[in-house]
C-alpha atoms as a PDB file:
ATOM      1  CA  UNK A   1      11.309  -8.610   7.938  1.00  0.00           C
ATOM      2  CA  UNK A   2       9.992 -10.843   9.649  1.00  0.00           C
ATOM      3  CA  UNK A   3       6.645 -12.886   8.012  1.00  0.00           C
ATOM      4  CA  UNK A   4       4.808 -12.557  11.035  1.00  0.00           C
ATOM      5  CA  UNK A   5       5.099  -9.176  11.663  1.00  0.00           C
ATOM      6  CA  UNK A   6       4.715  -8.275   7.826  1.00  0.00           C
ATOM      7  CA  UNK A   7       1.290  -9.870   8.218  1.00  0.00           C
ATOM      8  CA  UNK A   8       0.207  -8.337  11.903  1.00  0.00           C
ATOM      9  CA  UNK A   9       1.136  -5.131  10.210  1.00  0.00           C
ATOM     10  CA  UNK A  10      -1.321  -5.983   7.583  1.00  0.00           C
ATOM     11  CA  UNK A  11      -3.889  -7.013   9.408  1.00  0.00           C
ATOM     12  CA  UNK A  12      -3.812  -3.456  11.560  1.00  0.00           C
ATOM     13  CA  UNK A  13      -3.787  -1.990   8.547  1.00  0.00           C
ATOM     14  CA  UNK A  14      -6.249  -3.342   6.786  1.00  0.00           C
ATOM     15  CA  UNK A  15      -9.043  -2.957   9.888  1.00  0.00           C
ATOM     16  CA  UNK A  16      -7.918   0.625  11.246  1.00  0.00           C
ATOM     17  CA  UNK A  17      -5.036   2.909   8.395  1.00  0.00           C
ATOM     18  CA  UNK A  18      -2.875   2.653  11.389  1.00  0.00           C
ATOM     19  CA  UNK A  19       0.135   5.116  10.668  1.00  0.00           C
ATOM     20  CA  UNK A  20       2.765   3.164  12.027  1.00  0.00           C
ATOM     21  CA  UNK A  21       1.843  -0.291  10.344  1.00  0.00           C
ATOM     22  CA  UNK A  22       1.517   1.532   7.542  1.00  0.00           C
ATOM     23  CA  UNK A  23       5.117   2.726   7.444  1.00  0.00           C
ATOM     24  CA  UNK A  24       6.280  -0.839   8.292  1.00  0.00           C
ATOM     25  CA  UNK A  25       4.541  -1.848   5.110  1.00  0.00           C
ATOM     26  CA  UNK A  26       5.692   1.203   3.275  1.00  0.00           C
ATOM     27  CA  UNK A  27       9.209   0.303   3.975  1.00  0.00           C
ATOM     28  CA  UNK A  28       8.618  -3.478   3.019  1.00  0.00           C
ATOM     29  CA  UNK A  29       8.505  -1.610  -0.551  1.00  0.00           C
ATOM     30  CA  UNK A  30      11.986  -1.161  -0.845  1.00  0.00           C
ATOM     31  CA  UNK A  31      12.758  -4.878   0.474  1.00  0.00           C
ATOM     32  CA  UNK A  32      14.873  -6.879  -1.755  1.00  0.00           C
ATOM     33  CA  UNK A  33      12.819  -9.606  -1.173  1.00  0.00           C
ATOM     34  CA  UNK A  34       9.937  -9.779  -3.811  1.00  0.00           C
ATOM     35  CA  UNK A  35       7.501 -11.839  -1.996  1.00  0.00           C
ATOM     36  CA  UNK A  36       7.877  -9.236   1.388  1.00  0.00           C
ATOM     37  CA  UNK A  37       7.599  -6.056  -1.650  1.00  0.00           C
ATOM     38  CA  UNK A  38       4.314  -7.865  -3.401  1.00  0.00           C
ATOM     39  CA  UNK A  39       2.612  -8.553  -0.092  1.00  0.00           C
ATOM     40  CA  UNK A  40       3.350  -5.051   1.035  1.00  0.00           C
ATOM     41  CA  UNK A  41       2.049  -3.407  -2.006  1.00  0.00           C
ATOM     42  CA  UNK A  42      -1.408  -5.943  -2.081  1.00  0.00           C
ATOM     43  CA  UNK A  43      -1.741  -4.474   1.381  1.00  0.00           C
ATOM     44  CA  UNK A  44      -1.343  -1.039   1.168  1.00  0.00           C
ATOM     45  CA  UNK A  45      -3.896  -1.393  -1.732  1.00  0.00           C
ATOM     46  CA  UNK A  46      -6.947  -2.276   0.734  1.00  0.00           C
ATOM     47  CA  UNK A  47      -6.590   1.189   2.397  1.00  0.00           C
ATOM     48  CA  UNK A  48      -5.977   3.329  -0.834  1.00  0.00           C
ATOM     49  CA  UNK A  49      -7.594   6.395   1.114  1.00  0.00           C
ATOM     50  CA  UNK A  50      -4.592   6.844   3.316  1.00  0.00           C
ATOM     51  CA  UNK A  51      -2.405   4.347   1.240  1.00  0.00           C
ATOM     52  CA  UNK A  52      -1.500   7.206  -1.393  1.00  0.00           C
ATOM     53  CA  UNK A  53      -0.620   9.467   1.613  1.00  0.00           C
ATOM     54  CA  UNK A  54       1.765   7.562   3.405  1.00  0.00           C
ATOM     55  CA  UNK A  55       3.712   6.838  -0.081  1.00  0.00           C
ATOM     56  CA  UNK A  56       4.027  10.736  -0.871  1.00  0.00           C
ATOM     57  CA  UNK A  57       5.200  11.044   2.883  1.00  0.00           C
ATOM     58  CA  UNK A  58       7.728   8.142   2.193  1.00  0.00           C
ATOM     59  CA  UNK A  59       9.617  10.179  -0.917  1.00  0.00           C
ATOM     60  CA  UNK A  60       9.356  13.082   1.133  1.00  0.00           C
ATOM     61  CA  UNK A  61      11.648  11.980   3.649  1.00  0.00           C
ATOM     62  CA  UNK A  62      13.566   9.617   1.799  1.00  0.00           C
ATOM     63  CA  UNK A  63      12.527   6.900   3.115  1.00  0.00           C
ATOM     64  CA  UNK A  64      11.352   5.274  -0.651  1.00  0.00           C
ATOM     65  CA  UNK A  65      12.474   6.968  -3.968  1.00  0.00           C
ATOM     66  CA  UNK A  66       9.592   7.528  -6.507  1.00  0.00           C
ATOM     67  CA  UNK A  67      10.927   4.403  -8.639  1.00  0.00           C
ATOM     68  CA  UNK A  68      10.563   2.542  -5.659  1.00  0.00           C
ATOM     69  CA  UNK A  69       7.529   3.548  -4.781  1.00  0.00           C
ATOM     70  CA  UNK A  70       5.429   3.929  -8.240  1.00  0.00           C
ATOM     71  CA  UNK A  71       4.581   0.601  -9.007  1.00  0.00           C
ATOM     72  CA  UNK A  72       2.706   1.070  -5.684  1.00  0.00           C
ATOM     73  CA  UNK A  73       0.864   4.139  -6.398  1.00  0.00           C
ATOM     74  CA  UNK A  74       0.358   2.985 -10.018  1.00  0.00           C
ATOM     75  CA  UNK A  75      -2.210   0.576  -8.750  1.00  0.00           C
ATOM     76  CA  UNK A  76      -3.796   2.817  -6.173  1.00  0.00           C
ATOM     77  CA  UNK A  77      -4.547   5.518  -9.225  1.00  0.00           C
ATOM     78  CA  UNK A  78      -5.609   2.275 -11.176  1.00  0.00           C
ATOM     79  CA  UNK A  79      -8.179   0.941  -8.443  1.00  0.00           C
ATOM     80  CA  UNK A  80      -9.025   4.104  -7.957  1.00  0.00           C
ATOM     81  CA  UNK A  81     -10.523   4.599 -11.680  1.00  0.00           C
ATOM     82  CA  UNK A  82     -12.059   1.348 -11.290  1.00  0.00           C
ATOM     83  CA  UNK A  83     -14.342   1.808  -8.592  1.00  0.00           C
ATOM     84  CA  UNK A  84     -16.958   4.083 -10.330  1.00  0.00           C
ATOM     85  CA  UNK A  85     -17.591   1.739 -13.194  1.00  0.00           C
ATOM     86  CA  UNK A  86     -17.525  -1.724 -10.732  1.00  0.00           C
ATOM     87  CA  UNK A  87     -20.479   0.857  -8.813  1.00  0.00           C
ATOM     88  CA  UNK A  88     -22.233   1.267 -11.957  1.00  0.00           C
ATOM     89  CA  UNK A  89     -22.175  -2.656 -12.844  1.00  0.00           C
ATOM     90  CA  UNK A  90     -23.596  -3.646  -9.036  1.00  0.00           C
ATOM     91  CA  UNK A  91     -26.031  -1.320  -9.362  1.00  0.00           C
ATOM     92  CA  UNK A  92     -27.195  -2.734 -12.692  1.00  0.00           C
END
């Protein structure tokens, strides 16, 4: 995958949660390049409100295997669990 294209998809995803841009990032999770996979995961995490649904859909239609999507899904769950703690510490 072209790095500039991935960056553009990442920007669109962060700003708008556009499904097409998100799908490009989801597909990048299956890339043989570990840097592309890491970038895609990090970027998907920034809009976790939409990312889990995309990952579930990708597994359902066979774009990703559960093993490929799993690490990103785990990070999404972890990030969601940390939010209440972060909110409490920021209010203090």
